[in-house]
Structure formats: C-alpha cells, structure tokens
Amino acid sequence: MVDRQGVIRVHPQLGRVVVTKAMLPDNVIREEINAYMGLLKRLGNNKLAVTR
C-alpha cells in the first residue's frame, strides 16, 4: 500500500523477509568499511600535506 506521501507500507512478516534478503554478509560490510576508511585516511593525509 502506498500513501499520498509515497510511503510504502507492507505487512510486518513481509518486511522481515525483505530485510533478511537485502542484508549483506558481514565480510562484505567489513570490506566496504575498510575501503572507506582507507580513502578517508588518504584524503586526510593529502589535506595535511596541503596545509603545511
């Protein structure tokens, strides 16, 4: 069911199934976090180099 604001409402049991199917394995999540952390560290190091 979609309301006037575009919000979709589903039965709670269906919602649980959708969330379970959409979940990523922990190792995939960890790899993505590590990639972002590496990028942030590199960006931070570049900023420090520019301000010196």
C-alpha atoms as a PDB file:
ATOM      1  CA  MET A   1       0.000   0.000   0.000  1.00  0.00           C
ATOM      2  CA  VAL A   2       1.381   3.433  -0.968  1.00  0.00           C
ATOM      3  CA  ASP A   3       0.091   6.567   0.759  1.00  0.00           C
ATOM      4  CA  ARG A   4      -0.074  10.112  -0.646  1.00  0.00           C
ATOM      5  CA  GLN A   5       3.460  10.928   0.526  1.00  0.00           C
ATOM      6  CA  GLY A   6       4.847   7.896  -1.318  1.00  0.00           C
ATOM      7  CA  VAL A   7       5.371   5.827   1.833  1.00  0.00           C
ATOM      8  CA  ILE A   8       5.029   2.118   1.186  1.00  0.00           C
ATOM      9  CA  ARG A   9       3.537   0.002   3.945  1.00  0.00           C
ATOM     10  CA  VAL A  10       3.964  -3.756   3.998  1.00  0.00           C
ATOM     11  CA  HIS A  11       2.820  -6.476   6.331  1.00  0.00           C
ATOM     12  CA  PRO A  12       5.406  -6.933   9.158  1.00  0.00           C
ATOM     13  CA  GLN A  13       6.132 -10.525   8.138  1.00  0.00           C
ATOM     14  CA  LEU A  14       6.811  -9.455   4.546  1.00  0.00           C
ATOM     15  CA  GLY A  15       9.003  -6.632   5.826  1.00  0.00           C
ATOM     16  CA  ARG A  16      11.121  -9.108   7.799  1.00  0.00           C
ATOM     17  CA  VAL A  17      11.600 -11.278   4.719  1.00  0.00           C
ATOM     18  CA  VAL A  18      12.591  -8.289   2.580  1.00  0.00           C
ATOM     19  CA  VAL A  19      15.130  -7.080   5.155  1.00  0.00           C
ATOM     20  CA  THR A  20      16.595 -10.571   5.563  1.00  0.00           C
ATOM     21  CA  LYS A  21      17.025 -10.956   1.800  1.00  0.00           C
ATOM     22  CA  ALA A  22      18.580  -7.500   1.468  1.00  0.00           C
ATOM     23  CA  MET A  23      21.166  -7.960   4.237  1.00  0.00           C
ATOM     24  CA  LEU A  24      24.805  -8.197   3.180  1.00  0.00           C
ATOM     25  CA  PRO A  25      27.207 -10.706   4.719  1.00  0.00           C
ATOM     26  CA  ASP A  26      29.448  -9.298   7.474  1.00  0.00           C
ATOM     27  CA  ASN A  27      32.622  -9.790   5.436  1.00  0.00           C
ATOM     28  CA  VAL A  28      31.232  -7.645   2.589  1.00  0.00           C
ATOM     29  CA  ILE A  29      30.283  -4.893   5.025  1.00  0.00           C
ATOM     30  CA  ARG A  30      33.739  -5.016   6.659  1.00  0.00           C
ATOM     31  CA  GLU A  31      35.472  -4.783   3.265  1.00  0.00           C
ATOM     32  CA  GLU A  32      33.428  -1.704   2.342  1.00  0.00           C
ATOM     33  CA  ILE A  33      34.119  -0.032   5.693  1.00  0.00           C
ATOM     34  CA  ASN A  34      37.845  -0.727   5.328  1.00  0.00           C
ATOM     35  CA  ALA A  35      37.839   0.724   1.812  1.00  0.00           C
ATOM     36  CA  TYR A  36      36.111   3.912   3.014  1.00  0.00           C
ATOM     37  CA  MET A  37      38.462   4.200   5.993  1.00  0.00           C
ATOM     38  CA  GLY A  38      41.465   3.891   3.681  1.00  0.00           C
ATOM     39  CA  LEU A  39      40.035   6.583   1.414  1.00  0.00           C
ATOM     40  CA  LEU A  40      39.370   8.908   4.357  1.00  0.00           C
ATOM     41  CA  LYS A  41      42.909   8.392   5.656  1.00  0.00           C
ATOM     42  CA  ARG A  42      44.385   9.195   2.245  1.00  0.00           C
ATOM     43  CA  LEU A  43      42.212  12.283   1.930  1.00  0.00           C
ATOM     44  CA  GLY A  44      43.193  13.359   5.439  1.00  0.00           C
ATOM     45  CA  ASN A  45      46.880  12.913   4.661  1.00  0.00           C
ATOM     46  CA  ASN A  46      46.521  14.972   1.474  1.00  0.00           C
ATOM     47  CA  LYS A  47      44.808  17.771   3.405  1.00  0.00           C
ATOM     48  CA  LEU A  48      47.627  17.837   5.946  1.00  0.00           C
ATOM     49  CA  ALA A  49      50.203  17.989   3.187  1.00  0.00           C
ATOM     50  CA  VAL A  50      48.438  20.954   1.567  1.00  0.00           C
ATOM     51  CA  THR A  51      48.184  22.957   4.810  1.00  0.00           C
ATOM     52  CA  ARG A  52      51.847  22.634   5.753  1.00  0.00           C
END
